[in-house]
N, C-alpha and C. Protein backbone atom coordinates (compact mmCIF):
# COMPACT_ATOMS: atom_id res chain seq x y z
N MET A 1 151.40 -48.79 23.99
CA MET A 1 151.99 -49.43 25.74
C MET A 1 150.94 -49.57 26.36
N SER A 2 150.03 -49.18 26.20
CA SER A 2 148.48 -48.85 26.97
C SER A 2 148.09 -50.12 26.50
N ASP A 3 148.04 -50.64 25.33
CA ASP A 3 147.47 -52.20 24.95
C ASP A 3 148.46 -53.02 25.52
N TYR A 4 149.45 -52.86 25.69
CA TYR A 4 150.61 -53.57 26.89
C TYR A 4 150.22 -53.78 28.13
N ALA A 5 149.57 -52.67 28.98
CA ALA A 5 149.93 -52.86 30.27
C ALA A 5 148.08 -53.27 29.94
N ASP A 6 147.36 -53.31 29.66
CA ASP A 6 146.13 -54.02 29.76
C ASP A 6 145.95 -55.09 29.28
N ALA A 7 146.50 -55.88 28.40
CA ALA A 7 147.29 -57.24 28.52
C ALA A 7 147.75 -57.84 29.93
N GLU A 8 148.88 -57.28 30.38
CA GLU A 8 149.48 -57.67 31.61
C GLU A 8 148.27 -57.53 32.65
N GLU A 9 147.50 -56.61 32.83
CA GLU A 9 146.66 -56.48 33.84
C GLU A 9 146.27 -57.81 33.81
N LEU A 10 145.60 -58.23 32.28
CA LEU A 10 144.40 -59.19 32.51
C LEU A 10 144.99 -60.74 32.17
N ALA A 11 146.02 -60.25 32.45
CA ALA A 11 147.39 -61.84 33.03
C ALA A 11 147.33 -61.91 33.90
N GLN A 12 147.31 -61.07 34.81
CA GLN A 12 147.36 -60.72 36.20
C GLN A 12 146.04 -61.25 36.52
N GLU A 13 144.97 -60.75 36.40
CA GLU A 13 143.68 -61.16 37.12
C GLU A 13 143.79 -62.44 36.59
N SER A 14 144.06 -62.86 35.14
CA SER A 14 144.17 -64.41 35.00
C SER A 14 144.52 -65.51 35.97
N ALA A 15 145.86 -64.98 36.38
CA ALA A 15 145.92 -65.88 36.97
C ALA A 15 145.76 -66.05 38.16
N GLU A 16 145.38 -64.83 38.75
CA GLU A 16 144.40 -64.87 40.04
C GLU A 16 143.51 -65.78 40.47
N THR A 17 142.48 -65.43 38.97
CA THR A 17 141.92 -66.49 39.14
C THR A 17 141.65 -67.95 39.51
N ILE A 18 143.51 -68.00 38.69
CA ILE A 18 143.15 -70.13 38.94
C ILE A 18 143.93 -70.17 40.10
N ASN A 19 143.78 -69.25 40.71
CA ASN A 19 144.61 -69.74 41.95
C ASN A 19 143.82 -69.01 43.09
N THR A 20 142.51 -68.98 42.82
CA THR A 20 141.18 -68.89 44.09
C THR A 20 140.30 -69.55 44.00
N GLU A 21 139.31 -69.96 44.83
CA GLU A 21 139.04 -70.71 45.11
C GLU A 21 137.51 -70.60 45.98
N LYS A 22 136.49 -70.69 45.74
CA LYS A 22 135.04 -69.72 46.12
C LYS A 22 134.67 -71.35 47.15
N TYR A 23 134.59 -70.34 48.61
CA TYR A 23 133.97 -70.99 49.45
C TYR A 23 132.38 -70.70 50.61
N LEU A 24 131.79 -71.13 50.60
CA LEU A 24 130.53 -70.76 51.44
C LEU A 24 130.94 -70.81 52.78
N VAL A 25 131.12 -69.53 53.26
CA VAL A 25 130.96 -69.26 54.67
C VAL A 25 130.22 -69.34 55.86
N PHE A 26 130.05 -70.64 56.61
CA PHE A 26 128.63 -70.54 57.25
C PHE A 26 129.11 -70.34 59.17
N SER A 27 128.18 -70.17 59.52
CA SER A 27 128.78 -69.77 61.12
C SER A 27 127.74 -70.98 62.25
N ILE A 28 128.28 -71.56 63.00
CA ILE A 28 128.09 -72.39 64.23
C ILE A 28 127.85 -72.31 65.49
N LEU A 29 127.23 -71.71 66.18
CA LEU A 29 127.91 -71.60 67.11
C LEU A 29 128.76 -70.23 67.44
N GLY A 30 128.84 -69.22 67.02
CA GLY A 30 129.61 -67.95 66.80
C GLY A 30 130.98 -68.47 65.98
N LYS A 31 131.05 -69.14 65.67
CA LYS A 31 132.17 -69.96 65.10
C LYS A 31 132.01 -69.78 63.47
N LEU A 32 132.66 -69.50 62.66
CA LEU A 32 133.07 -69.50 60.95
C LEU A 32 133.99 -70.57 60.49
N TYR A 33 133.10 -71.49 60.16
CA TYR A 33 133.26 -72.47 58.69
C TYR A 33 133.24 -72.80 57.49
N CYS A 34 133.93 -73.18 56.57
CA CYS A 34 133.56 -73.51 55.41
C CYS A 34 133.67 -74.28 54.70
N PHE A 35 133.46 -74.39 53.41
CA PHE A 35 133.33 -75.93 52.28
C PHE A 35 133.60 -75.29 51.57
N PRO A 36 134.16 -75.56 50.47
CA PRO A 36 134.01 -75.09 48.99
C PRO A 36 132.94 -75.44 48.25
N SER A 37 132.65 -74.06 48.04
CA SER A 37 131.34 -73.96 47.32
C SER A 37 131.11 -75.16 46.15
N LYS A 38 131.68 -75.72 45.48
CA LYS A 38 131.66 -76.50 44.19
C LYS A 38 131.03 -77.86 45.62
N LEU A 39 131.16 -77.93 46.75
CA LEU A 39 130.47 -79.21 47.26
C LEU A 39 128.93 -79.29 47.94
N ILE A 40 128.59 -77.64 47.52
CA ILE A 40 127.10 -77.28 48.20
C ILE A 40 125.72 -77.23 46.96
N GLY A 41 125.48 -78.48 47.38
CA GLY A 41 123.86 -78.26 45.96
C GLY A 41 122.45 -77.64 46.53
N GLU A 42 122.92 -77.44 48.31
CA GLU A 42 121.14 -76.44 48.43
C GLU A 42 121.86 -75.69 49.84
N ILE A 43 121.02 -75.13 50.12
CA ILE A 43 120.90 -74.29 51.57
C ILE A 43 119.76 -74.13 51.78
N ALA A 44 119.09 -74.76 52.69
CA ALA A 44 117.86 -74.84 53.16
C ALA A 44 117.15 -74.66 54.19
N LEU A 45 115.92 -74.18 55.24
CA LEU A 45 115.82 -74.20 55.95
C LEU A 45 115.44 -75.36 56.80
N PHE A 46 115.79 -75.48 58.29
CA PHE A 46 115.43 -76.70 59.14
C PHE A 46 114.70 -76.90 58.67
N ASP A 47 114.35 -78.25 58.98
CA ASP A 47 112.71 -79.55 58.86
C ASP A 47 112.89 -80.41 59.70
N LYS A 48 111.96 -81.43 59.78
CA LYS A 48 111.52 -82.37 60.39
C LYS A 48 112.92 -83.30 59.57
N VAL A 49 113.46 -83.88 60.39
CA VAL A 49 114.04 -85.10 61.20
C VAL A 49 113.51 -86.20 61.25
N PHE A 50 113.99 -87.30 61.06
CA PHE A 50 114.10 -88.82 61.41
C PHE A 50 115.22 -88.95 61.83
N PRO A 51 114.86 -89.63 63.56
CA PRO A 51 115.91 -90.21 64.23
C PRO A 51 116.27 -91.67 63.58
N LEU A 52 118.07 -91.88 63.69
CA LEU A 52 118.71 -92.74 63.82
C LEU A 52 118.89 -93.46 64.60
N PRO A 53 118.82 -94.53 64.81
CA PRO A 53 119.51 -95.40 66.13
C PRO A 53 120.74 -95.49 66.19
N LEU A 54 121.62 -95.64 67.06
CA LEU A 54 122.62 -96.43 67.18
C LEU A 54 124.19 -95.44 66.42
N MET A 55 123.25 -94.20 66.27
CA MET A 55 124.50 -92.84 65.80
C MET A 55 124.78 -92.19 66.84
N PRO A 56 126.06 -91.56 66.37
CA PRO A 56 126.79 -90.73 67.42
C PRO A 56 126.04 -89.65 67.70
N SER A 57 125.85 -89.53 69.07
CA SER A 57 125.43 -87.51 69.18
C SER A 57 124.83 -86.78 67.97
N TYR A 58 126.36 -86.21 67.41
CA TYR A 58 126.06 -85.44 65.83
C TYR A 58 125.03 -85.95 64.66
N VAL A 59 125.48 -87.22 65.28
CA VAL A 59 124.28 -87.57 63.53
C VAL A 59 122.87 -87.31 64.22
N LEU A 60 121.75 -86.37 63.73
CA LEU A 60 120.71 -86.45 64.06
C LEU A 60 119.38 -86.86 63.55
N GLY A 61 120.32 -87.32 62.82
CA GLY A 61 119.10 -88.39 61.57
C GLY A 61 119.45 -88.02 60.13
N VAL A 62 117.68 -88.10 59.81
CA VAL A 62 118.00 -88.24 58.28
C VAL A 62 116.68 -87.40 57.89
N VAL A 63 117.03 -86.34 56.62
CA VAL A 63 116.37 -85.38 56.87
C VAL A 63 115.65 -85.25 54.40
N ASN A 64 114.64 -85.45 54.82
CA ASN A 64 114.10 -85.47 52.69
C ASN A 64 114.25 -84.94 51.95
N ARG A 65 115.11 -84.70 51.37
CA ARG A 65 115.13 -83.28 50.31
C ARG A 65 115.09 -83.66 49.04
N TYR A 66 113.80 -83.59 48.35
CA TYR A 66 112.69 -83.88 47.32
C TYR A 66 112.85 -85.55 47.15
N SER A 67 112.64 -86.79 48.06
CA SER A 67 112.45 -87.60 48.26
C SER A 67 113.61 -88.20 48.33
N ALA A 68 115.13 -87.55 48.40
CA ALA A 68 115.92 -88.88 48.82
C ALA A 68 116.05 -88.09 50.06
N PRO A 69 116.68 -89.06 50.78
CA PRO A 69 117.09 -88.56 52.31
C PRO A 69 118.39 -88.86 52.60
N TYR A 70 118.69 -87.69 53.65
CA TYR A 70 120.77 -87.29 54.03
C TYR A 70 120.53 -87.46 55.24
N ALA A 71 121.86 -87.91 55.59
CA ALA A 71 122.33 -87.89 56.83
C ALA A 71 122.32 -86.20 57.66
N LEU A 72 121.92 -86.13 58.39
CA LEU A 72 121.94 -84.58 59.32
C LEU A 72 122.96 -84.70 60.57
N PHE A 73 123.89 -84.01 60.34
CA PHE A 73 125.59 -84.05 61.32
C PHE A 73 124.80 -82.62 61.89
N ASP A 74 125.35 -82.61 62.64
CA ASP A 74 125.28 -81.19 64.09
C ASP A 74 127.17 -81.35 64.06
N ILE A 75 127.65 -79.95 63.56
CA ILE A 75 128.88 -79.69 63.49
C ILE A 75 129.47 -79.60 64.88
N GLY A 76 128.20 -78.07 65.45
CA GLY A 76 128.08 -77.58 66.79
C GLY A 76 128.65 -78.84 68.20
N LEU A 77 127.60 -79.93 67.46
CA LEU A 77 127.89 -81.15 68.95
C LEU A 77 129.38 -82.03 68.67
N LEU A 78 128.97 -82.02 67.06
CA LEU A 78 131.30 -82.54 67.01
C LEU A 78 131.96 -82.39 67.50
N PHE A 79 131.89 -80.28 67.20
CA PHE A 79 133.13 -80.33 67.53
C PHE A 79 133.04 -79.32 69.05
N GLN A 80 131.98 -78.53 69.86
CA GLN A 80 132.02 -77.77 70.78
C GLN A 80 131.21 -78.57 71.85
N LYS A 81 130.41 -80.07 71.32
CA LYS A 81 129.83 -80.41 72.58
C LYS A 81 128.31 -79.77 72.96
N THR A 82 127.68 -78.83 71.66
CA THR A 82 127.07 -78.09 71.78
C THR A 82 125.89 -78.38 70.83
N PRO A 83 124.68 -77.99 71.69
CA PRO A 83 123.85 -78.42 69.91
C PRO A 83 123.82 -77.20 69.01
N SER A 84 123.36 -76.95 68.12
CA SER A 84 123.62 -76.29 67.31
C SER A 84 121.93 -75.82 67.20
N PRO A 85 122.14 -74.00 67.24
CA PRO A 85 120.38 -73.92 67.01
C PRO A 85 119.45 -74.47 65.41
N ARG A 86 118.72 -74.98 65.46
CA ARG A 86 118.61 -76.01 64.20
C ARG A 86 117.44 -74.53 63.26
N ASN A 87 118.51 -74.35 62.46
CA ASN A 87 117.59 -72.76 62.38
C ASN A 87 118.08 -73.16 60.65
N LYS A 88 118.86 -73.17 59.46
CA LYS A 88 119.21 -73.96 58.38
C LYS A 88 120.31 -75.11 58.02
N ILE A 89 119.73 -76.04 57.24
CA ILE A 89 120.98 -76.88 56.67
C ILE A 89 121.75 -76.70 55.71
N ILE A 90 122.69 -76.84 55.42
CA ILE A 90 123.34 -77.37 54.14
C ILE A 90 123.29 -78.28 53.59
N ILE A 91 123.34 -78.82 52.53
CA ILE A 91 122.70 -80.23 51.86
C ILE A 91 124.32 -80.06 50.21
N LEU A 92 124.87 -81.24 50.66
CA LEU A 92 125.77 -81.08 49.94
C LEU A 92 125.18 -81.56 48.48
N LYS A 93 126.24 -81.70 47.55
CA LYS A 93 126.30 -82.75 46.19
C LYS A 93 125.92 -84.04 45.89
N GLU A 94 125.06 -84.52 45.66
CA GLU A 94 124.53 -86.19 45.60
C GLU A 94 125.91 -86.63 45.49
N GLU A 95 126.88 -86.25 44.40
CA GLU A 95 127.77 -87.06 43.72
C GLU A 95 129.03 -87.25 44.80
N ILE A 96 129.20 -85.91 46.02
CA ILE A 96 129.63 -86.89 47.23
C ILE A 96 129.19 -86.99 48.46
N ASP A 97 128.39 -87.01 48.85
CA ASP A 97 127.75 -88.60 49.26
C ASP A 97 126.49 -87.75 49.82
N ARG A 98 125.08 -88.09 50.54
CA ARG A 98 123.93 -87.64 50.93
C ARG A 98 124.00 -87.39 52.01
N ILE A 99 124.98 -86.41 52.56
CA ILE A 99 125.31 -85.54 53.92
C ILE A 99 124.42 -84.07 53.85
N ALA A 100 123.87 -83.84 54.93
CA ALA A 100 123.75 -82.50 55.08
C ALA A 100 124.00 -81.88 56.55
N PHE A 101 125.01 -80.67 56.90
CA PHE A 101 125.19 -80.22 57.87
C PHE A 101 124.10 -79.10 58.73
N LEU A 102 123.51 -78.93 60.19
CA LEU A 102 123.37 -78.43 60.68
C LEU A 102 123.88 -77.06 60.48
N ILE A 103 123.58 -75.65 60.30
CA ILE A 103 124.01 -74.53 60.80
C ILE A 103 123.56 -73.36 61.32
N ASP A 104 124.28 -72.35 62.24
CA ASP A 104 123.29 -71.10 62.36
C ASP A 104 123.09 -69.92 61.26
N ASP A 105 123.67 -69.66 60.04
CA ASP A 105 123.40 -68.44 59.00
C ASP A 105 124.63 -68.45 58.40
N ILE A 106 124.44 -68.28 57.02
CA ILE A 106 124.97 -68.23 56.11
C ILE A 106 125.79 -66.60 56.21
N ALA A 107 127.05 -66.38 55.91
CA ALA A 107 127.84 -65.51 56.02
C ALA A 107 128.33 -64.50 55.00
N GLY A 108 128.56 -65.55 53.84
CA GLY A 108 128.50 -65.46 52.68
C GLY A 108 129.23 -66.66 51.82
N ILE A 109 130.24 -65.66 50.40
CA ILE A 109 130.42 -66.56 50.20
C ILE A 109 131.96 -66.19 49.31
N MET A 110 132.52 -66.31 49.27
CA MET A 110 134.34 -65.78 49.34
C MET A 110 135.06 -66.27 48.91
N ASP A 111 135.90 -65.54 47.57
CA ASP A 111 136.84 -65.75 46.65
C ASP A 111 138.23 -66.21 47.78
N ILE A 112 138.75 -66.97 48.05
CA ILE A 112 140.13 -67.30 48.19
C ILE A 112 140.90 -67.27 47.53
N GLN A 113 142.34 -66.45 47.66
CA GLN A 113 143.65 -67.17 47.15
C GLN A 113 144.64 -68.04 47.89
N ASN A 114 144.99 -69.55 47.14
CA ASN A 114 145.44 -70.66 47.42
C ASN A 114 146.38 -69.78 48.53
N ASP A 115 147.25 -68.96 48.21
CA ASP A 115 148.39 -68.19 48.81
C ASP A 115 147.77 -67.77 50.54
N ASP A 116 146.19 -67.31 50.90
CA ASP A 116 145.67 -66.94 52.04
C ASP A 116 145.50 -68.06 53.13
N LEU A 117 145.20 -69.09 52.69
CA LEU A 117 145.40 -70.51 53.06
C LEU A 117 146.66 -70.84 54.43
N PHE A 118 146.14 -71.53 55.37
CA PHE A 118 147.09 -71.74 56.33
C PHE A 118 146.33 -73.38 56.94
N ILE A 119 147.28 -74.29 55.64
CA ILE A 119 147.42 -75.87 55.99
C ILE A 119 147.36 -76.40 57.45
N VAL A 120 146.32 -76.84 58.02
CA VAL A 120 146.11 -77.68 59.35
C VAL A 120 146.16 -78.92 59.32
N GLU A 121 147.35 -79.24 59.91
CA GLU A 121 148.20 -80.64 60.16
C GLU A 121 146.90 -81.58 60.64
N ARG A 122 147.06 -82.86 60.45
CA ARG A 122 146.17 -83.43 60.68
C ARG A 122 146.56 -83.94 61.66
N ASN A 123 145.57 -84.34 62.93
CA ASN A 123 145.79 -85.61 64.27
C ASN A 123 144.97 -86.63 63.64
N ILE A 124 144.75 -87.49 63.58
CA ILE A 124 143.94 -88.42 63.25
C ILE A 124 142.99 -89.18 64.54
N ASP A 125 144.36 -88.93 65.59
CA ASP A 125 143.99 -89.71 66.83
C ASP A 125 143.78 -88.85 68.03
N SER A 126 143.47 -87.17 67.89
CA SER A 126 143.25 -86.61 68.90
C SER A 126 141.85 -86.20 69.10
N GLY A 127 140.71 -86.67 67.51
CA GLY A 127 139.25 -86.48 68.25
C GLY A 127 139.10 -85.17 68.33
N ASP A 128 140.14 -84.20 68.00
CA ASP A 128 139.52 -82.29 67.83
C ASP A 128 139.23 -82.20 66.90
N LEU A 129 138.98 -80.92 66.37
CA LEU A 129 138.80 -80.45 65.48
C LEU A 129 140.07 -80.53 64.01
N THR A 130 141.50 -80.59 64.76
CA THR A 130 142.53 -80.69 63.91
C THR A 130 141.71 -82.01 62.90
N ASP A 131 141.08 -83.22 63.39
CA ASP A 131 141.01 -84.42 62.54
C ASP A 131 139.88 -84.24 61.11
N ILE A 132 139.23 -82.98 61.41
CA ILE A 132 137.97 -82.47 60.26
C ILE A 132 138.87 -81.38 59.49
N VAL A 133 139.34 -80.41 60.22
CA VAL A 133 139.84 -79.01 59.60
C VAL A 133 141.10 -79.37 58.57
N CYS A 134 140.91 -78.95 57.22
CA CYS A 134 141.57 -79.15 56.77
C CYS A 134 142.69 -77.73 56.20
N ALA A 135 141.92 -76.79 56.25
CA ALA A 135 142.66 -75.06 56.55
C ALA A 135 142.06 -74.07 57.22
N SER A 136 142.98 -73.12 57.15
CA SER A 136 141.66 -72.19 57.52
C SER A 136 142.00 -70.95 57.16
N PHE A 137 141.60 -69.25 57.01
CA PHE A 137 141.89 -68.49 56.64
C PHE A 137 141.28 -67.25 57.93
N LYS A 138 141.83 -65.80 57.59
CA LYS A 138 141.34 -65.07 58.12
C LYS A 138 139.74 -64.34 57.77
N LEU A 139 139.08 -64.04 58.19
CA LEU A 139 138.49 -63.20 57.43
C LEU A 139 137.79 -61.78 58.71
N GLU A 140 137.90 -60.90 58.01
CA GLU A 140 137.69 -59.38 58.85
C GLU A 140 138.22 -60.02 60.25
N GLY A 141 139.62 -60.53 60.75
CA GLY A 141 140.12 -60.78 62.18
C GLY A 141 139.36 -61.62 62.45
N SER A 142 138.66 -62.72 62.05
CA SER A 142 137.98 -63.83 62.21
C SER A 142 138.74 -65.06 61.02
N ASP A 143 139.01 -65.80 62.19
CA ASP A 143 139.12 -67.47 62.06
C ASP A 143 138.04 -68.00 61.11
N VAL A 144 138.39 -68.35 60.04
CA VAL A 144 137.26 -69.28 59.13
C VAL A 144 138.29 -70.44 59.51
N PHE A 145 137.04 -71.81 59.77
CA PHE A 145 137.78 -73.13 59.33
C PHE A 145 137.20 -73.79 57.83
N VAL A 146 138.34 -74.09 57.27
CA VAL A 146 137.97 -74.59 55.59
C VAL A 146 137.87 -76.25 56.24
N LEU A 147 136.26 -77.14 56.48
CA LEU A 147 136.51 -78.39 56.81
C LEU A 147 135.97 -79.30 55.48
N ASP A 148 136.39 -80.39 55.71
CA ASP A 148 136.90 -81.33 54.53
C ASP A 148 135.55 -82.53 54.98
N VAL A 149 135.04 -82.66 53.93
CA VAL A 149 134.22 -83.68 53.95
C VAL A 149 134.54 -84.88 54.30
N ASN A 150 135.75 -85.54 53.49
CA ASN A 150 136.12 -86.70 53.42
C ASN A 150 136.58 -87.42 54.94
N ARG A 151 136.81 -86.45 56.00
CA ARG A 151 137.49 -86.92 57.17
C ARG A 151 136.00 -86.35 57.75
N ILE A 152 135.53 -85.58 57.66
CA ILE A 152 134.25 -85.95 57.80
C ILE A 152 133.54 -87.34 58.60
N ILE A 153 133.65 -87.61 57.31
CA ILE A 153 132.59 -88.82 56.75
C ILE A 153 133.47 -90.33 57.53
N SER A 154 134.72 -89.82 57.12
CA SER A 154 135.60 -90.78 57.57
C SER A 154 135.52 -91.41 59.51
N ARG A 155 135.76 -90.28 60.41
CA ARG A 155 135.27 -90.11 61.32
C ARG A 155 134.48 -90.81 62.02
N VAL A 156 132.73 -90.47 60.95
CA VAL A 156 131.80 -91.35 61.82
C VAL A 156 132.11 -92.15 61.25
N SER A 157 132.39 -93.34 60.18
CA SER A 157 132.86 -94.42 59.64
C SER A 157 133.12 -94.98 60.84
N ARG A 158 134.57 -94.40 61.63
CA ARG A 158 135.19 -94.72 62.69
C ARG A 158 134.12 -95.40 63.78
N GLU A 159 133.00 -94.01 64.14
CA GLU A 159 132.96 -94.16 65.52
C GLU A 159 132.10 -95.25 65.58
N ILE A 160 130.95 -95.51 64.33
CA ILE A 160 130.15 -96.32 63.89
C ILE A 160 130.25 -97.40 63.93
N ALA A 161 131.42 -97.67 63.93
CA ALA A 161 132.22 -98.42 63.57
C ALA A 161 131.94 -99.99 64.68
């Protein structure tokens, strides 16, 4: 009987693992955001930024990582119209795009079950948070917003066109 119970428990844990995803949770101006951890290439301290002309204010410029340029976005300016402190940057994997995001600090890496995600309806014309957030979840009583990199890239493309 105990072998059956062990097998059942193992099957349940395996099913939970399949229905979860890891997220890198970070703070910006007192609010929590995240990306799926599979998108993250590196977390680094803020370094020199080379400004780009004719870009929206939230595109700070380019940072150099191992001789590769990455466009640096300030999500604080994008969402809250307030510059983020220049503490750390999250650099996405090159397969995604050469983009980095300015953040305050890392809150942790969390395993979140798909059932715990609240899907956010997309409102592309709003110009607010809903056009680049795909979901949210609760973490110790706080909302964590799951950012959609493709929506951020689309929004920047629309604004610079």
